[in-house]
Amino acid sequence: MNAKTTKIVGYLTWIGLLIAFLAGDKDGEGVKQHLNQSLICVIIGIIPIGITQVAALVFIIWGIVKACQDDDSPLPLIGGLTIIK
């Protein structure tokens, strides 16, 4: 998969995140950033409180839009967190 496809697929579901992580081109910093952000969105979405699930959905949609535009700037609030190095 190319970098743009990897960024977009990573946001779709946790399965998409796994596929993007295993099959995608993880060499670029933008790809790592988007994979980190989608992983954080998945973690936030697991929390069984309505506001966190809504926030995760908003961040996922926002991340997909940024990935489609090839914008690698971090999302607010969660963009500075890193899990995947």
PDB file of N, CA and C in Angstrom:
ATOM      1  N   MET A   1       0.844  -1.182   0.000  1.00  0.00           N
ATOM      2  CA  MET A   1       0.000   0.000   0.000  1.00  0.00           C
ATOM      3  C   MET A   1       0.886   1.240   0.000  1.00  0.00           C
ATOM      4  N   ASN A   2       0.435   2.257  -0.669  1.00  0.00           N
ATOM      5  CA  ASN A   2       1.183   3.510  -0.620  1.00  0.00           C
ATOM      6  C   ASN A   2       0.842   4.255   0.674  1.00  0.00           C
ATOM      7  N   ALA A   3       1.531   5.351   0.906  1.00  0.00           N
ATOM      8  CA  ALA A   3       1.398   6.065   2.178  1.00  0.00           C
ATOM      9  C   ALA A   3      -0.005   6.624   2.398  1.00  0.00           C
ATOM     10  N   LYS A   4      -0.597   7.205   1.359  1.00  0.00           N
ATOM     11  CA  LYS A   4      -1.923   7.816   1.510  1.00  0.00           C
ATOM     12  C   LYS A   4      -2.973   6.753   1.836  1.00  0.00           C
ATOM     13  N   THR A   5      -2.912   5.612   1.160  1.00  0.00           N
ATOM     14  CA  THR A   5      -3.853   4.526   1.428  1.00  0.00           C
ATOM     15  C   THR A   5      -3.671   3.992   2.841  1.00  0.00           C
ATOM     16  N   THR A   6      -2.430   3.860   3.278  1.00  0.00           N
ATOM     17  CA  THR A   6      -2.150   3.387   4.629  1.00  0.00           C
ATOM     18  C   THR A   6      -2.739   4.326   5.672  1.00  0.00           C
ATOM     19  N   LYS A   7      -2.611   5.611   5.445  1.00  0.00           N
ATOM     20  CA  LYS A   7      -3.163   6.598   6.383  1.00  0.00           C
ATOM     21  C   LYS A   7      -4.680   6.470   6.494  1.00  0.00           C
ATOM     22  N   ILE A   8      -5.348   6.329   5.353  1.00  0.00           N
ATOM     23  CA  ILE A   8      -6.812   6.274   5.347  1.00  0.00           C
ATOM     24  C   ILE A   8      -7.319   4.972   5.941  1.00  0.00           C
ATOM     25  N   VAL A   9      -6.734   3.840   5.546  1.00  0.00           N
ATOM     26  CA  VAL A   9      -7.184   2.534   6.035  1.00  0.00           C
ATOM     27  C   VAL A   9      -6.982   2.424   7.545  1.00  0.00           C
ATOM     28  N   GLY A  10      -5.955   3.057   8.062  1.00  0.00           N
ATOM     29  CA  GLY A  10      -5.687   3.011   9.494  1.00  0.00           C
ATOM     30  C   GLY A  10      -6.804   3.577  10.351  1.00  0.00           C
ATOM     31  N   TYR A  11      -7.596   4.463   9.816  1.00  0.00           N
ATOM     32  CA  TYR A  11      -8.680   5.076  10.578  1.00  0.00           C
ATOM     33  C   TYR A  11      -9.994   4.307  10.511  1.00  0.00           C
ATOM     34  N   LEU A  12     -10.134   3.364   9.594  1.00  0.00           N
ATOM     35  CA  LEU A  12     -11.448   2.774   9.341  1.00  0.00           C
ATOM     36  C   LEU A  12     -11.982   1.954  10.511  1.00  0.00           C
ATOM     37  N   THR A  13     -11.274   0.969  10.985  1.00  0.00           N
ATOM     38  CA  THR A  13     -11.658   0.187  12.159  1.00  0.00           C
ATOM     39  C   THR A  13     -10.375  -0.283  12.816  1.00  0.00           C
ATOM     40  N   TRP A  14     -10.496  -1.012  13.898  1.00  0.00           N
ATOM     41  CA  TRP A  14      -9.271  -1.548  14.501  1.00  0.00           C
ATOM     42  C   TRP A  14      -8.650  -2.594  13.589  1.00  0.00           C
ATOM     43  N   ILE A  15      -9.456  -3.265  12.781  1.00  0.00           N
ATOM     44  CA  ILE A  15      -8.918  -4.215  11.806  1.00  0.00           C
ATOM     45  C   ILE A  15      -8.160  -3.449  10.716  1.00  0.00           C
ATOM     46  N   GLY A  16      -8.709  -2.331  10.281  1.00  0.00           N
ATOM     47  CA  GLY A  16      -8.012  -1.489   9.310  1.00  0.00           C
ATOM     48  C   GLY A  16      -6.701  -0.969   9.867  1.00  0.00           C
ATOM     49  N   LEU A  17      -6.687  -0.632  11.144  1.00  0.00           N
ATOM     50  CA  LEU A  17      -5.461  -0.188  11.795  1.00  0.00           C
ATOM     51  C   LEU A  17      -4.421  -1.303  11.774  1.00  0.00           C
ATOM     52  N   LEU A  18      -4.839  -2.511  12.068  1.00  0.00           N
ATOM     53  CA  LEU A  18      -3.935  -3.650  12.065  1.00  0.00           C
ATOM     54  C   LEU A  18      -3.395  -3.912  10.660  1.00  0.00           C
ATOM     55  N   ILE A  19      -4.278  -3.870   9.656  1.00  0.00           N
ATOM     56  CA  ILE A  19      -3.842  -4.073   8.270  1.00  0.00           C
ATOM     57  C   ILE A  19      -2.866  -2.973   7.852  1.00  0.00           C
ATOM     58  N   ALA A  20      -3.164  -1.735   8.185  1.00  0.00           N
ATOM     59  CA  ALA A  20      -2.288  -0.622   7.823  1.00  0.00           C
ATOM     60  C   ALA A  20      -0.946  -0.755   8.516  1.00  0.00           C
ATOM     61  N   PHE A  21      -0.953  -1.215   9.749  1.00  0.00           N
ATOM     62  CA  PHE A  21       0.301  -1.361  10.490  1.00  0.00           C
ATOM     63  C   PHE A  21       1.153  -2.482   9.906  1.00  0.00           C
ATOM     64  N   LEU A  22       0.532  -3.597   9.543  1.00  0.00           N
ATOM     65  CA  LEU A  22       1.281  -4.753   9.048  1.00  0.00           C
ATOM     66  C   LEU A  22       1.669  -4.628   7.576  1.00  0.00           C
ATOM     67  N   ALA A  23       0.787  -4.111   6.747  1.00  0.00           N
ATOM     68  CA  ALA A  23       1.026  -4.103   5.310  1.00  0.00           C
ATOM     69  C   ALA A  23       1.470  -2.754   4.763  1.00  0.00           C
ATOM     70  N   GLY A  24       1.334  -1.736   5.556  1.00  0.00           N
ATOM     71  CA  GLY A  24       1.581  -0.399   5.025  1.00  0.00           C
ATOM     72  C   GLY A  24       3.027   0.018   5.056  1.00  0.00           C
ATOM     73  N   ASP A  25       3.279   1.165   4.455  1.00  0.00           N
ATOM     74  CA  ASP A  25       4.597   1.768   4.417  1.00  0.00           C
ATOM     75  C   ASP A  25       4.741   2.637   5.662  1.00  0.00           C
ATOM     76  N   LYS A  26       5.417   2.103   6.691  1.00  0.00           N
ATOM     77  CA  LYS A  26       5.511   2.805   7.967  1.00  0.00           C
ATOM     78  C   LYS A  26       6.771   3.659   8.076  1.00  0.00           C
ATOM     79  N   ASP A  27       7.487   3.839   6.983  1.00  0.00           N
ATOM     80  CA  ASP A  27       8.746   4.562   7.049  1.00  0.00           C
ATOM     81  C   ASP A  27       8.561   6.069   7.178  1.00  0.00           C
ATOM     82  N   GLY A  28       7.492   6.584   6.648  1.00  0.00           N
ATOM     83  CA  GLY A  28       7.272   8.021   6.688  1.00  0.00           C
ATOM     84  C   GLY A  28       6.758   8.487   8.046  1.00  0.00           C
ATOM     85  N   GLU A  29       7.181   9.655   8.444  1.00  0.00           N
ATOM     86  CA  GLU A  29       6.737  10.213   9.726  1.00  0.00           C
ATOM     87  C   GLU A  29       5.244  10.512   9.711  1.00  0.00           C
ATOM     88  N   GLY A  30       4.710  10.917   8.576  1.00  0.00           N
ATOM     89  CA  GLY A  30       3.284  11.200   8.475  1.00  0.00           C
ATOM     90  C   GLY A  30       2.444   9.950   8.675  1.00  0.00           C
ATOM     91  N   VAL A  31       2.920   8.832   8.135  1.00  0.00           N
ATOM     92  CA  VAL A  31       2.200   7.570   8.305  1.00  0.00           C
ATOM     93  C   VAL A  31       2.215   7.156   9.774  1.00  0.00           C
ATOM     94  N   LYS A  32       3.361   7.273  10.422  1.00  0.00           N
ATOM     95  CA  LYS A  32       3.449   6.930  11.845  1.00  0.00           C
ATOM     96  C   LYS A  32       2.520   7.813  12.671  1.00  0.00           C
ATOM     97  N   GLN A  33       2.481   9.080  12.348  1.00  0.00           N
ATOM     98  CA  GLN A  33       1.621  10.003  13.079  1.00  0.00           C
ATOM     99  C   GLN A  33       0.153   9.617  12.937  1.00  0.00           C
ATOM    100  N   HIS A  34      -0.283   9.319  11.718  1.00  0.00           N
ATOM    101  CA  HIS A  34      -1.677   8.947  11.502  1.00  0.00           C
ATOM    102  C   HIS A  34      -2.003   7.605  12.161  1.00  0.00           C
ATOM    103  N   LEU A  35      -1.068   6.651  12.136  1.00  0.00           N
ATOM    104  CA  LEU A  35      -1.307   5.378  12.817  1.00  0.00           C
ATOM    105  C   LEU A  35      -1.412   5.577  14.325  1.00  0.00           C
ATOM    106  N   ASN A  36      -0.566   6.433  14.885  1.00  0.00           N
ATOM    107  CA  ASN A  36      -0.660   6.760  16.313  1.00  0.00           C
ATOM    108  C   ASN A  36      -2.013   7.375  16.650  1.00  0.00           C
ATOM    109  N   GLN A  37      -2.424   8.339  15.846  1.00  0.00           N
ATOM    110  CA  GLN A  37      -3.691   9.015  16.113  1.00  0.00           C
ATOM    111  C   GLN A  37      -4.869   8.061  15.995  1.00  0.00           C
ATOM    112  N   SER A  38      -4.838   7.159  15.021  1.00  0.00           N
ATOM    113  CA  SER A  38      -5.956   6.231  14.894  1.00  0.00           C
ATOM    114  C   SER A  38      -5.958   5.223  16.037  1.00  0.00           C
ATOM    115  N   LEU A  39      -4.780   4.804  16.505  1.00  0.00           N
ATOM    116  CA  LEU A  39      -4.717   3.907  17.657  1.00  0.00           C
ATOM    117  C   LEU A  39      -5.268   4.589  18.908  1.00  0.00           C
ATOM    118  N   ILE A  40      -4.955   5.837  19.101  1.00  0.00           N
ATOM    119  CA  ILE A  40      -5.481   6.588  20.243  1.00  0.00           C
ATOM    120  C   ILE A  40      -6.996   6.737  20.126  1.00  0.00           C
ATOM    121  N   CYS A  41      -7.505   6.950  18.923  1.00  0.00           N
ATOM    122  CA  CYS A  41      -8.958   7.041  18.711  1.00  0.00           C
ATOM    123  C   CYS A  41      -9.640   5.723  19.047  1.00  0.00           C
ATOM    124  N   VAL A  42      -9.021   4.612  18.680  1.00  0.00           N
ATOM    125  CA  VAL A  42      -9.588   3.299  19.014  1.00  0.00           C
ATOM    126  C   VAL A  42      -9.624   3.114  20.523  1.00  0.00           C
ATOM    127  N   ILE A  43      -8.561   3.500  21.210  1.00  0.00           N
ATOM    128  CA  ILE A  43      -8.511   3.368  22.668  1.00  0.00           C
ATOM    129  C   ILE A  43      -9.556   4.251  23.324  1.00  0.00           C
ATOM    130  N   ILE A  44      -9.695   5.485  22.847  1.00  0.00           N
ATOM    131  CA  ILE A  44     -10.705   6.395  23.401  1.00  0.00           C
ATOM    132  C   ILE A  44     -12.108   5.859  23.133  1.00  0.00           C
ATOM    133  N   GLY A  45     -12.323   5.272  21.963  1.00  0.00           N
ATOM    134  CA  GLY A  45     -13.636   4.753  21.597  1.00  0.00           C
ATOM    135  C   GLY A  45     -14.061   3.541  22.407  1.00  0.00           C
ATOM    136  N   ILE A  46     -13.105   2.833  22.992  1.00  0.00           N
ATOM    137  CA  ILE A  46     -13.425   1.657  23.807  1.00  0.00           C
ATOM    138  C   ILE A  46     -14.040   2.054  25.147  1.00  0.00           C
ATOM    139  N   ILE A  47     -13.695   3.218  25.638  1.00  0.00           N
ATOM    140  CA  ILE A  47     -14.204   3.679  26.937  1.00  0.00           C
ATOM    141  C   ILE A  47     -15.722   3.830  26.839  1.00  0.00           C
ATOM    142  N   PRO A  48     -16.468   3.147  27.720  1.00  0.00           N
ATOM    143  CA  PRO A  48     -17.935   3.114  27.567  1.00  0.00           C
ATOM    144  C   PRO A  48     -18.665   4.345  28.112  1.00  0.00           C
ATOM    145  N   ILE A  49     -18.176   5.504  27.790  1.00  0.00           N
ATOM    146  CA  ILE A  49     -18.840   6.753  28.162  1.00  0.00           C
ATOM    147  C   ILE A  49     -19.180   7.454  26.845  1.00  0.00           C
ATOM    148  N   GLY A  50     -20.399   7.913  26.721  1.00  0.00           N
ATOM    149  CA  GLY A  50     -20.884   8.474  25.467  1.00  0.00           C
ATOM    150  C   GLY A  50     -20.032   9.586  24.904  1.00  0.00           C
ATOM    151  N   ILE A  51     -19.565  10.508  25.737  1.00  0.00           N
ATOM    152  CA  ILE A  51     -18.817  11.657  25.236  1.00  0.00           C
ATOM    153  C   ILE A  51     -17.472  11.232  24.666  1.00  0.00           C
ATOM    154  N   THR A  52     -16.851  10.203  25.241  1.00  0.00           N
ATOM    155  CA  THR A  52     -15.564   9.754  24.704  1.00  0.00           C
ATOM    156  C   THR A  52     -15.746   9.052  23.362  1.00  0.00           C
ATOM    157  N   GLN A  53     -16.850   8.339  23.219  1.00  0.00           N
ATOM    158  CA  GLN A  53     -17.103   7.675  21.943  1.00  0.00           C
ATOM    159  C   GLN A  53     -17.425   8.688  20.848  1.00  0.00           C
ATOM    160  N   VAL A  54     -18.143   9.729  21.188  1.00  0.00           N
ATOM    161  CA  VAL A  54     -18.440  10.798  20.229  1.00  0.00           C
ATOM    162  C   VAL A  54     -17.148  11.522  19.857  1.00  0.00           C
ATOM    163  N   ALA A  55     -16.303  11.795  20.859  1.00  0.00           N
ATOM    164  CA  ALA A  55     -15.027  12.455  20.588  1.00  0.00           C
ATOM    165  C   ALA A  55     -14.149  11.590  19.692  1.00  0.00           C
ATOM    166  N   ALA A  56     -14.132  10.285  19.934  1.00  0.00           N
ATOM    167  CA  ALA A  56     -13.343   9.381  19.092  1.00  0.00           C
ATOM    168  C   ALA A  56     -13.853   9.409  17.659  1.00  0.00           C
ATOM    169  N   LEU A  57     -15.156   9.416  17.470  1.00  0.00           N
ATOM    170  CA  LEU A  57     -15.738   9.470  16.129  1.00  0.00           C
ATOM    171  C   LEU A  57     -15.365  10.770  15.424  1.00  0.00           C
ATOM    172  N   VAL A  58     -15.416  11.877  16.142  1.00  0.00           N
ATOM    173  CA  VAL A  58     -15.043  13.172  15.558  1.00  0.00           C
ATOM    174  C   VAL A  58     -13.574  13.161  15.145  1.00  0.00           C
ATOM    175  N   PHE A  59     -12.705  12.642  16.018  1.00  0.00           N
ATOM    176  CA  PHE A  59     -11.278  12.578  15.690  1.00  0.00           C
ATOM    177  C   PHE A  59     -11.009  11.643  14.510  1.00  0.00           C
ATOM    178  N   ILE A  60     -11.746  10.545  14.414  1.00  0.00           N
ATOM    179  CA  ILE A  60     -11.571   9.622  13.293  1.00  0.00           C
ATOM    180  C   ILE A  60     -11.958  10.297  11.981  1.00  0.00           C
ATOM    181  N   ILE A  61     -13.093  10.965  11.956  1.00  0.00           N
ATOM    182  CA  ILE A  61     -13.528  11.660  10.737  1.00  0.00           C
ATOM    183  C   ILE A  61     -12.540  12.760  10.369  1.00  0.00           C
ATOM    184  N   TRP A  62     -12.100  13.508  11.369  1.00  0.00           N
ATOM    185  CA  TRP A  62     -11.140  14.579  11.144  1.00  0.00           C
ATOM    186  C   TRP A  62      -9.821  14.006  10.615  1.00  0.00           C
ATOM    187  N   GLY A  63      -9.388  12.879  11.165  1.00  0.00           N
ATOM    188  CA  GLY A  63      -8.158  12.241  10.713  1.00  0.00           C
ATOM    189  C   GLY A  63      -8.265  11.724   9.291  1.00  0.00           C
ATOM    190  N   ILE A  64      -9.414  11.160   8.935  1.00  0.00           N
ATOM    191  CA  ILE A  64      -9.613  10.678   7.564  1.00  0.00           C
ATOM    192  C   ILE A  64      -9.559  11.844   6.579  1.00  0.00           C
ATOM    193  N   VAL A  65     -10.186  12.952   6.931  1.00  0.00           N
ATOM    194  CA  VAL A  65     -10.164  14.128   6.056  1.00  0.00           C
ATOM    195  C   VAL A  65      -8.733  14.622   5.884  1.00  0.00           C
ATOM    196  N   LYS A  66      -7.972  14.682   6.971  1.00  0.00           N
ATOM    197  CA  LYS A  66      -6.581  15.131   6.888  1.00  0.00           C
ATOM    198  C   LYS A  66      -5.730  14.150   6.089  1.00  0.00           C
ATOM    199  N   ALA A  67      -6.003  12.842   6.231  1.00  0.00           N
ATOM    200  CA  ALA A  67      -5.252  11.836   5.478  1.00  0.00           C
ATOM    201  C   ALA A  67      -5.559  11.939   3.986  1.00  0.00           C
ATOM    202  N   CYS A  68      -6.808  12.219   3.636  1.00  0.00           N
ATOM    203  CA  CYS A  68      -7.176  12.384   2.224  1.00  0.00           C
ATOM    204  C   CYS A  68      -6.501  13.606   1.610  1.00  0.00           C
ATOM    205  N   GLN A  69      -6.269  14.618   2.422  1.00  0.00           N
ATOM    206  CA  GLN A  69      -5.637  15.843   1.937  1.00  0.00           C
ATOM    207  C   GLN A  69      -4.114  15.780   2.013  1.00  0.00           C
ATOM    208  N   ASP A  70      -3.556  14.651   2.471  1.00  0.00           N
ATOM    209  CA  ASP A  70      -2.107  14.490   2.693  1.00  0.00           C
ATOM    210  C   ASP A  70      -1.560  15.532   3.665  1.00  0.00           C
ATOM    211  N   ASP A  71      -2.353  15.886   4.642  1.00  0.00           N
ATOM    212  CA  ASP A  71      -1.959  16.829   5.687  1.00  0.00           C
ATOM    213  C   ASP A  71      -1.464  16.019   6.875  1.00  0.00           C
ATOM    214  N   ASP A  72      -0.186  16.170   7.208  1.00  0.00           N
ATOM    215  CA  ASP A  72       0.406  15.389   8.294  1.00  0.00           C
ATOM    216  C   ASP A  72       0.496  16.155   9.607  1.00  0.00           C
ATOM    217  N   SER A  73      -0.185  17.277   9.709  1.00  0.00           N
ATOM    218  CA  SER A  73      -0.168  18.005  10.973  1.00  0.00           C
ATOM    219  C   SER A  73      -0.985  17.240  12.011  1.00  0.00           C
ATOM    220  N   PRO A  74      -0.557  17.304  13.278  1.00  0.00           N
ATOM    221  CA  PRO A  74      -1.244  16.519  14.314  1.00  0.00           C
ATOM    222  C   PRO A  74      -2.634  17.056  14.632  1.00  0.00           C
ATOM    223  N   LEU A  75      -3.499  16.129  15.045  1.00  0.00           N
ATOM    224  CA  LEU A  75      -4.833  16.527  15.497  1.00  0.00           C
ATOM    225  C   LEU A  75      -4.717  17.202  16.860  1.00  0.00           C
ATOM    226  N   PRO A  76      -5.603  18.123  17.179  1.00  0.00           N
ATOM    227  CA  PRO A  76      -5.561  18.751  18.499  1.00  0.00           C
ATOM    228  C   PRO A  76      -5.855  17.733  19.599  1.00  0.00           C
ATOM    229  N   LEU A  77      -5.306  17.927  20.740  1.00  0.00           N
ATOM    230  CA  LEU A  77      -5.479  17.131  21.956  1.00  0.00           C
ATOM    231  C   LEU A  77      -4.802  15.759  21.891  1.00  0.00           C
ATOM    232  N   ILE A  78      -4.927  15.032  20.800  1.00  0.00           N
ATOM    233  CA  ILE A  78      -4.353  13.686  20.760  1.00  0.00           C
ATOM    234  C   ILE A  78      -3.141  13.584  19.846  1.00  0.00           C
ATOM    235  N   GLY A  79      -2.847  14.609  19.082  1.00  0.00           N
ATOM    236  CA  GLY A  79      -1.763  14.552  18.106  1.00  0.00           C
ATOM    237  C   GLY A  79      -0.376  14.493  18.718  1.00  0.00           C
ATOM    238  N   GLY A  80      -0.219  14.955  19.923  1.00  0.00           N
ATOM    239  CA  GLY A  80       1.083  14.941  20.571  1.00  0.00           C
ATOM    240  C   GLY A  80       1.429  13.637  21.262  1.00  0.00           C
ATOM    241  N   LEU A  81       0.453  12.754  21.393  1.00  0.00           N
ATOM    242  CA  LEU A  81       0.688  11.480  22.056  1.00  0.00           C
ATOM    243  C   LEU A  81       1.300  10.483  21.072  1.00  0.00           C
ATOM    244  N   THR A  82       2.272   9.712  21.534  1.00  0.00           N
ATOM    245  CA  THR A  82       2.884   8.712  20.667  1.00  0.00           C
ATOM    246  C   THR A  82       2.871   7.350  21.361  1.00  0.00           C
ATOM    247  N   ILE A  83       2.394   6.355  20.660  1.00  0.00           N
ATOM    248  CA  ILE A  83       2.397   4.980  21.137  1.00  0.00           C
ATOM    249  C   ILE A  83       3.304   4.147  20.238  1.00  0.00           C
ATOM    250  N   ILE A  84       3.193   4.338  18.931  1.00  0.00           N
ATOM    251  CA  ILE A  84       4.013   3.637  17.950  1.00  0.00           C
ATOM    252  C   ILE A  84       5.221   4.522  17.657  1.00  0.00           C
ATOM    253  N   LYS A  85       6.414   3.982  17.841  1.00  0.00           N
ATOM    254  CA  LYS A  85       7.634   4.782  17.609  1.00  0.00           C
ATOM    255  C   LYS A  85       8.264   4.442  16.297  1.00  0.00           C
TER     256      LYS A  85
END
